[in-house]
Amino acid sequence: MLTPSAGRWILCTCAVALSASWASASPDALSIVQKANAQIKNAKTYQATIVSTNKLGKMGSISVSIHVAAIPAEGKSAIRSAPVGKPTGAMGMQAAMASAVMVDDGKEAYVYSPMMGGYRKSPHRPGSPGNLALLNLERSKGLTFKLVGTRAVEGRPAYVIEVIPPQKQPGSTTLIYVDKATGRYRRIESHRTASAGPGGAPQTVDTILTVTHEVLNAPIPET
């Protein structure tokens, strides 16, 4: 289910705002992530299209396209999400929930979701969205970043960096892919096992966020 708050989570969960005072890592891995994050934080404007593919075990899968336009320094952003392709299994029932629009003017955030009853307002949340990441690493402590190799993402070589929390859950893995040539994020993957409740078999939960389009420092079109 992708509610407006879940959409916010994806994009907030998307910001790797790092500080060497609380994150430990090999110098190479940490440096790669810090530089990738700095490109977004220091951009005058940030625009991107991110496809989030979510698979919940045998229940099925759904893909959602997320369009982001942001002015990071001012905390302003506009986000539009909508399902893409055809959801499978029980996840098909969540397709309508995936359509939402959120606008943050740096003071207040306004969300429109037909399935959630229309408009609602919430306070601005500093640092989100406007950056791309999978987890809310800005508020996490004791993380370790490990460079595990390189892999091609859509034909382009990318560093593969594992994000290791201080208390890693068995069966869970988070990987960040950073383009070797541009130093920008290309893909983020999260794989974990979730309990299905009493008497139910555990479910695998896979989330893959892929940057399909990204522009920095370009004028944001009027919409």
C-alpha atoms as a PDB file:
ATOM      1  CA  MET A   1       0.000   0.000   0.000  1.00  0.00           C
ATOM      2  CA  LEU A   2       1.436   3.362  -0.979  1.00  0.00           C
ATOM      3  CA  THR A   3      -0.396   6.037   0.986  1.00  0.00           C
ATOM      4  CA  PRO A   4       0.758   9.680   0.960  1.00  0.00           C
ATOM      5  CA  SER A   5       2.641   9.028   4.177  1.00  0.00           C
ATOM      6  CA  ALA A   6       4.245   5.995   2.551  1.00  0.00           C
ATOM      7  CA  GLY A   7       5.167   8.146  -0.407  1.00  0.00           C
ATOM      8  CA  ARG A   8       6.785  10.580   2.002  1.00  0.00           C
ATOM      9  CA  TRP A   9       8.554   7.655   3.656  1.00  0.00           C
ATOM     10  CA  ILE A  10       9.947   6.432   0.361  1.00  0.00           C
ATOM     11  CA  LEU A  11      11.421   9.795  -0.446  1.00  0.00           C
ATOM     12  CA  CYS A  12      12.488  10.544   3.103  1.00  0.00           C
ATOM     13  CA  THR A  13      13.750   7.021   3.355  1.00  0.00           C
ATOM     14  CA  CYS A  14      15.472   8.034   0.230  1.00  0.00           C
ATOM     15  CA  ALA A  15      17.908  10.672   1.790  1.00  0.00           C
ATOM     16  CA  VAL A  16      21.388   9.626   2.760  1.00  0.00           C
ATOM     17  CA  ALA A  17      22.379  12.624   4.912  1.00  0.00           C
ATOM     18  CA  LEU A  18      25.536  11.436   6.537  1.00  0.00           C
ATOM     19  CA  SER A  19      27.878  12.593   9.260  1.00  0.00           C
ATOM     20  CA  ALA A  20      31.213  11.016  10.067  1.00  0.00           C
ATOM     21  CA  SER A  21      30.560  11.665  13.745  1.00  0.00           C
ATOM     22  CA  TRP A  22      27.896   8.968  13.842  1.00  0.00           C
ATOM     23  CA  ALA A  23      28.549   6.751  10.822  1.00  0.00           C
ATOM     24  CA  SER A  24      31.455   4.359  10.626  1.00  0.00           C
ATOM     25  CA  ALA A  25      32.616   2.886   7.342  1.00  0.00           C
ATOM     26  CA  SER A  26      35.603   2.131   5.226  1.00  0.00           C
ATOM     27  CA  PRO A  27      36.866   5.470   3.871  1.00  0.00           C
ATOM     28  CA  ASP A  28      36.087   4.546   0.279  1.00  0.00           C
ATOM     29  CA  ALA A  29      32.474   3.544   0.888  1.00  0.00           C
ATOM     30  CA  LEU A  30      31.708   6.498   3.146  1.00  0.00           C
ATOM     31  CA  SER A  31      33.366   8.941   0.768  1.00  0.00           C
ATOM     32  CA  ILE A  32      31.353   7.641  -2.188  1.00  0.00           C
ATOM     33  CA  VAL A  33      28.058   8.004  -0.330  1.00  0.00           C
ATOM     34  CA  GLN A  34      28.906  11.431   1.090  1.00  0.00           C
ATOM     35  CA  LYS A  35      29.813  12.779  -2.343  1.00  0.00           C
ATOM     36  CA  ALA A  36      26.645  11.364  -3.894  1.00  0.00           C
ATOM     37  CA  ASN A  37      24.548  12.961  -1.181  1.00  0.00           C
ATOM     38  CA  ALA A  38      26.371  16.286  -1.467  1.00  0.00           C
ATOM     39  CA  GLN A  39      25.500  16.556  -5.159  1.00  0.00           C
ATOM     40  CA  ILE A  40      21.816  16.620  -4.248  1.00  0.00           C
ATOM     41  CA  LYS A  41      22.092  18.754  -1.110  1.00  0.00           C
ATOM     42  CA  ASN A  42      24.169  21.401  -2.892  1.00  0.00           C
ATOM     43  CA  ALA A  43      22.099  21.507  -6.079  1.00  0.00           C
ATOM     44  CA  LYS A  44      20.113  24.678  -6.757  1.00  0.00           C
ATOM     45  CA  THR A  45      17.295  22.475  -8.055  1.00  0.00           C
ATOM     46  CA  TYR A  46      16.757  18.728  -8.154  1.00  0.00           C
ATOM     47  CA  GLN A  47      14.397  16.864 -10.493  1.00  0.00           C
ATOM     48  CA  ALA A  48      14.083  13.112 -10.818  1.00  0.00           C
ATOM     49  CA  THR A  49      11.849  10.239 -11.760  1.00  0.00           C
ATOM     50  CA  ILE A  50      12.190   7.207  -9.510  1.00  0.00           C
ATOM     51  CA  VAL A  51      10.472   3.877 -10.057  1.00  0.00           C
ATOM     52  CA  SER A  52       9.748   1.986  -6.847  1.00  0.00           C
ATOM     53  CA  THR A  53       9.045  -1.718  -7.291  1.00  0.00           C
ATOM     54  CA  ASN A  54       7.623  -3.429  -4.222  1.00  0.00           C
ATOM     55  CA  LYS A  55       7.163  -7.183  -3.931  1.00  0.00           C
ATOM     56  CA  LEU A  56       5.542  -8.843  -0.935  1.00  0.00           C
ATOM     57  CA  GLY A  57       6.247 -12.559  -1.154  1.00  0.00           C
ATOM     58  CA  LYS A  58       3.480 -14.531  -2.859  1.00  0.00           C
ATOM     59  CA  MET A  59       1.016 -11.684  -2.433  1.00  0.00           C
ATOM     60  CA  GLY A  60       2.274 -10.000  -5.578  1.00  0.00           C
ATOM     61  CA  SER A  61       4.048  -6.836  -6.628  1.00  0.00           C
ATOM     62  CA  ILE A  62       3.387  -3.245  -7.642  1.00  0.00           C
ATOM     63  CA  SER A  63       5.511  -0.571  -9.314  1.00  0.00           C
ATOM     64  CA  VAL A  64       5.057   3.128  -8.652  1.00  0.00           C
ATOM     65  CA  SER A  65       6.539   6.055 -10.562  1.00  0.00           C
ATOM     66  CA  ILE A  66       7.583   8.961  -8.332  1.00  0.00           C
ATOM     67  CA  HIS A  67       8.320  12.366  -9.875  1.00  0.00           C
ATOM     68  CA  VAL A  68      10.297  14.773  -7.686  1.00  0.00           C
ATOM     69  CA  ALA A  69      11.030  18.470  -8.175  1.00  0.00           C
ATOM     70  CA  ALA A  70      12.826  20.183  -5.306  1.00  0.00           C
ATOM     71  CA  ILE A  71      14.844  23.177  -4.163  1.00  0.00           C
ATOM     72  CA  PRO A  72      16.900  21.457  -1.436  1.00  0.00           C
ATOM     73  CA  ALA A  73      18.322  24.593   0.216  1.00  0.00           C
ATOM     74  CA  GLU A  74      14.825  26.019   0.747  1.00  0.00           C
ATOM     75  CA  GLY A  75      13.172  22.763   1.751  1.00  0.00           C
ATOM     76  CA  LYS A  76      10.663  23.123  -1.085  1.00  0.00           C
ATOM     77  CA  SER A  77       9.461  20.151  -3.111  1.00  0.00           C
ATOM     78  CA  ALA A  78       6.671  18.738  -5.220  1.00  0.00           C
ATOM     79  CA  ILE A  79       6.113  14.995  -5.512  1.00  0.00           C
ATOM     80  CA  ARG A  80       3.691  13.117  -7.705  1.00  0.00           C
ATOM     81  CA  SER A  81       3.252   9.341  -7.556  1.00  0.00           C
ATOM     82  CA  ALA A  82       1.215   6.972  -9.717  1.00  0.00           C
ATOM     83  CA  PRO A  83       1.203   3.224 -10.419  1.00  0.00           C
ATOM     84  CA  VAL A  84       2.935   1.991 -13.562  1.00  0.00           C
ATOM     85  CA  GLY A  85       2.386  -1.281 -15.353  1.00  0.00           C
ATOM     86  CA  LYS A  86       0.010  -3.900 -14.017  1.00  0.00           C
ATOM     87  CA  PRO A  87       0.201  -4.927 -10.357  1.00  0.00           C
ATOM     88  CA  THR A  88       0.086  -8.637  -9.640  1.00  0.00           C
ATOM     89  CA  GLY A  89      -1.806 -10.659  -7.074  1.00  0.00           C
ATOM     90  CA  ALA A  90      -3.310  -8.971  -4.050  1.00  0.00           C
ATOM     91  CA  MET A  91      -1.124  -5.923  -4.610  1.00  0.00           C
ATOM     92  CA  GLY A  92      -3.444  -4.959  -7.446  1.00  0.00           C
ATOM     93  CA  MET A  93      -5.943  -3.757  -4.867  1.00  0.00           C
ATOM     94  CA  GLN A  94      -3.415  -1.151  -3.726  1.00  0.00           C
ATOM     95  CA  ALA A  95      -2.990   0.504  -7.134  1.00  0.00           C
ATOM     96  CA  ALA A  96      -5.510   3.266  -6.437  1.00  0.00           C
ATOM     97  CA  MET A  97      -3.710   4.109  -3.195  1.00  0.00           C
ATOM     98  CA  ALA A  98      -0.512   4.799  -5.128  1.00  0.00           C
ATOM     99  CA  SER A  99      -1.818   7.981  -6.757  1.00  0.00           C
ATOM    100  CA  ALA A 100      -0.986  11.062  -4.697  1.00  0.00           C
ATOM    101  CA  VAL A 101       0.481  14.558  -4.908  1.00  0.00           C
ATOM    102  CA  MET A 102       2.465  16.330  -2.189  1.00  0.00           C
ATOM    103  CA  VAL A 103       3.685  19.931  -2.227  1.00  0.00           C
ATOM    104  CA  ASP A 104       5.947  21.311   0.505  1.00  0.00           C
ATOM    105  CA  ASP A 105       6.525  25.076   0.497  1.00  0.00           C
ATOM    106  CA  GLY A 106       9.192  24.911   3.183  1.00  0.00           C
ATOM    107  CA  LYS A 107       6.691  25.705   5.931  1.00  0.00           C
ATOM    108  CA  GLU A 108       3.765  23.357   5.377  1.00  0.00           C
ATOM    109  CA  ALA A 109       3.234  20.157   3.404  1.00  0.00           C
ATOM    110  CA  TYR A 110       0.005  19.691   1.461  1.00  0.00           C
ATOM    111  CA  VAL A 111      -1.055  16.224   0.322  1.00  0.00           C
ATOM    112  CA  TYR A 112      -3.802  15.304  -2.122  1.00  0.00           C
ATOM    113  CA  SER A 113      -4.925  11.683  -2.331  1.00  0.00           C
ATOM    114  CA  PRO A 114      -8.367  10.760  -3.704  1.00  0.00           C
ATOM    115  CA  MET A 115      -8.346   7.441  -1.858  1.00  0.00           C
ATOM    116  CA  MET A 116      -7.468   9.121   1.441  1.00  0.00           C
ATOM    117  CA  GLY A 117     -10.340  11.567   1.333  1.00  0.00           C
ATOM    118  CA  GLY A 118      -8.823  14.471  -0.574  1.00  0.00           C
ATOM    119  CA  TYR A 119      -6.535  17.145   0.877  1.00  0.00           C
ATOM    120  CA  ARG A 120      -4.711  17.292   4.171  1.00  0.00           C
ATOM    121  CA  LYS A 121      -1.969  19.471   5.635  1.00  0.00           C
ATOM    122  CA  SER A 122       0.998  18.619   7.815  1.00  0.00           C
ATOM    123  CA  PRO A 123       4.038  20.523   9.132  1.00  0.00           C
ATOM    124  CA  HIS A 124       7.157  20.821   7.000  1.00  0.00           C
ATOM    125  CA  ARG A 125       9.746  18.164   7.809  1.00  0.00           C
ATOM    126  CA  PRO A 126      13.287  19.573   7.506  1.00  0.00           C
ATOM    127  CA  GLY A 127      15.542  17.537   5.278  1.00  0.00           C
ATOM    128  CA  SER A 128      12.774  15.648   3.507  1.00  0.00           C
ATOM    129  CA  PRO A 129      12.155  15.063   0.772  1.00  0.00           C
ATOM    130  CA  GLY A 130      14.457  16.521  -1.860  1.00  0.00           C
ATOM    131  CA  ASN A 131      17.220  13.999  -1.344  1.00  0.00           C
ATOM    132  CA  LEU A 132      17.253  10.481  -2.693  1.00  0.00           C
ATOM    133  CA  ALA A 133      17.771   7.499  -0.440  1.00  0.00           C
ATOM    134  CA  LEU A 134      16.087   4.371   0.795  1.00  0.00           C
ATOM    135  CA  LEU A 135      16.340   4.632   4.561  1.00  0.00           C
ATOM    136  CA  ASN A 136      16.030   7.568   6.902  1.00  0.00           C
ATOM    137  CA  LEU A 137      19.757   7.409   7.501  1.00  0.00           C
ATOM    138  CA  GLU A 138      19.855  10.988   8.724  1.00  0.00           C
ATOM    139  CA  ARG A 139      18.362   9.836  12.021  1.00  0.00           C
ATOM    140  CA  SER A 140      20.112   6.484  12.222  1.00  0.00           C
ATOM    141  CA  LYS A 141      23.275   5.996  14.235  1.00  0.00           C
ATOM    142  CA  GLY A 142      26.028   3.429  14.177  1.00  0.00           C
ATOM    143  CA  LEU A 143      25.676   2.610  10.485  1.00  0.00           C
ATOM    144  CA  THR A 144      28.490   0.945   8.597  1.00  0.00           C
ATOM    145  CA  PHE A 145      28.959   1.341   4.839  1.00  0.00           C
ATOM    146  CA  LYS A 146      30.802  -1.462   3.081  1.00  0.00           C
ATOM    147  CA  LEU A 147      31.976  -1.390  -0.532  1.00  0.00           C
ATOM    148  CA  VAL A 148      31.159  -4.875  -1.788  1.00  0.00           C
ATOM    149  CA  GLY A 149      32.054  -4.505  -5.467  1.00  0.00           C
ATOM    150  CA  THR A 150      30.806  -3.119  -8.756  1.00  0.00           C
ATOM    151  CA  ARG A 151      27.846  -4.042 -10.929  1.00  0.00           C
ATOM    152  CA  ALA A 152      26.239  -2.720 -14.091  1.00  0.00           C
ATOM    153  CA  VAL A 153      22.979  -0.811 -13.682  1.00  0.00           C
ATOM    154  CA  GLU A 154      21.272  -0.414 -17.050  1.00  0.00           C
ATOM    155  CA  GLY A 155      24.622  -0.894 -18.748  1.00  0.00           C
ATOM    156  CA  ARG A 156      26.554   1.591 -16.600  1.00  0.00           C
ATOM    157  CA  PRO A 157      29.166   0.490 -14.026  1.00  0.00           C
ATOM    158  CA  ALA A 158      28.169   1.301 -10.453  1.00  0.00           C
ATOM    159  CA  TYR A 159      29.675   0.891  -7.010  1.00  0.00           C
ATOM    160  CA  VAL A 160      27.694  -1.475  -4.801  1.00  0.00           C
ATOM    161  CA  ILE A 161      27.648  -0.389  -1.157  1.00  0.00           C
ATOM    162  CA  GLU A 162      25.981  -2.324   1.642  1.00  0.00           C
ATOM    163  CA  VAL A 163      24.350  -0.356   4.455  1.00  0.00           C
ATOM    164  CA  ILE A 164      24.805  -2.285   7.697  1.00  0.00           C
ATOM    165  CA  PRO A 165      22.837  -1.189  10.792  1.00  0.00           C
ATOM    166  CA  PRO A 166      24.264  -1.815  14.279  1.00  0.00           C
ATOM    167  CA  GLN A 167      21.714  -4.580  14.857  1.00  0.00           C
ATOM    168  CA  LYS A 168      21.196  -6.214  11.498  1.00  0.00           C
ATOM    169  CA  GLN A 169      18.137  -8.432  11.225  1.00  0.00           C
ATOM    170  CA  PRO A 170      18.743 -11.930   9.817  1.00  0.00           C
ATOM    171  CA  GLY A 171      17.870 -12.082   6.149  1.00  0.00           C
ATOM    172  CA  SER A 172      17.853  -8.308   5.642  1.00  0.00           C
ATOM    173  CA  THR A 173      20.093  -6.473   3.189  1.00  0.00           C
ATOM    174  CA  THR A 174      20.229  -2.887   1.957  1.00  0.00           C
ATOM    175  CA  LEU A 175      22.371  -2.014  -1.055  1.00  0.00           C
ATOM    176  CA  ILE A 176      23.132   1.379  -2.601  1.00  0.00           C
ATOM    177  CA  TYR A 177      24.300   1.614  -6.221  1.00  0.00           C
ATOM    178  CA  VAL A 178      26.339   4.707  -7.144  1.00  0.00           C
ATOM    179  CA  ASP A 179      27.301   5.459 -10.747  1.00  0.00           C
ATOM    180  CA  LYS A 180      31.094   5.273 -11.077  1.00  0.00           C
ATOM    181  CA  ALA A 181      31.267   7.987 -13.731  1.00  0.00           C
ATOM    182  CA  THR A 182      28.871  10.586 -12.294  1.00  0.00           C
ATOM    183  CA  GLY A 183      28.971   9.723  -8.590  1.00  0.00           C
ATOM    184  CA  ARG A 184      25.154   9.814  -8.431  1.00  0.00           C
ATOM    185  CA  TYR A 185      22.694   7.317  -7.013  1.00  0.00           C
ATOM    186  CA  ARG A 186      21.332   4.866  -9.575  1.00  0.00           C
ATOM    187  CA  ARG A 187      19.488   2.265  -7.535  1.00  0.00           C
ATOM    188  CA  ILE A 188      18.712   1.320  -3.945  1.00  0.00           C
ATOM    189  CA  GLU A 189      17.569  -2.137  -2.887  1.00  0.00           C
ATOM    190  CA  SER A 190      16.093  -3.386   0.367  1.00  0.00           C
ATOM    191  CA  HIS A 191      15.444  -7.060   1.026  1.00  0.00           C
ATOM    192  CA  ARG A 192      14.037  -8.342   4.296  1.00  0.00           C
ATOM    193  CA  THR A 193      11.823 -11.002   5.826  1.00  0.00           C
ATOM    194  CA  ALA A 194       8.612  -9.966   7.556  1.00  0.00           C
ATOM    195  CA  SER A 195       6.507 -12.018   9.921  1.00  0.00           C
ATOM    196  CA  ALA A 196       3.101 -12.988   8.564  1.00  0.00           C
ATOM    197  CA  GLY A 197       1.575 -13.328  12.028  1.00  0.00           C
ATOM    198  CA  PRO A 198       0.525 -16.367  14.057  1.00  0.00           C
ATOM    199  CA  GLY A 199       0.434 -19.514  11.981  1.00  0.00           C
ATOM    200  CA  GLY A 200       1.586 -17.786   8.803  1.00  0.00           C
ATOM    201  CA  ALA A 201       4.795 -18.318   6.901  1.00  0.00           C
ATOM    202  CA  PRO A 202       7.274 -15.407   6.844  1.00  0.00           C
ATOM    203  CA  GLN A 203       7.028 -13.169   3.789  1.00  0.00           C
ATOM    204  CA  THR A 204       9.932 -11.747   1.822  1.00  0.00           C
ATOM    205  CA  VAL A 205       9.679  -7.997   1.284  1.00  0.00           C
ATOM    206  CA  ASP A 206      11.687  -6.582  -1.615  1.00  0.00           C
ATOM    207  CA  THR A 207      11.837  -2.880  -2.484  1.00  0.00           C
ATOM    208  CA  ILE A 208      13.886  -1.600  -5.417  1.00  0.00           C
ATOM    209  CA  LEU A 209      14.141   2.105  -6.236  1.00  0.00           C
ATOM    210  CA  THR A 210      15.668   2.930  -9.614  1.00  0.00           C
ATOM    211  CA  VAL A 211      16.471   6.435 -10.828  1.00  0.00           C
ATOM    212  CA  THR A 212      15.259   6.525 -14.423  1.00  0.00           C
ATOM    213  CA  HIS A 213      15.750  10.268 -14.964  1.00  0.00           C
ATOM    214  CA  GLU A 214      17.633  12.918 -13.000  1.00  0.00           C
ATOM    215  CA  VAL A 215      18.492  16.580 -13.617  1.00  0.00           C
ATOM    216  CA  LEU A 216      20.385  18.942 -11.319  1.00  0.00           C
ATOM    217  CA  ASN A 217      20.461  22.752 -11.459  1.00  0.00           C
ATOM    218  CA  ALA A 218      17.894  23.080 -14.252  1.00  0.00           C
ATOM    219  CA  PRO A 219      14.846  25.378 -14.156  1.00  0.00           C
ATOM    220  CA  ILE A 220      11.770  23.648 -12.744  1.00  0.00           C
ATOM    221  CA  PRO A 221       8.858  23.914 -15.203  1.00  0.00           C
ATOM    222  CA  GLU A 222       5.623  25.514 -14.073  1.00  0.00           C
ATOM    223  CA  THR A 223       2.888  22.932 -13.500  1.00  0.00           C
END
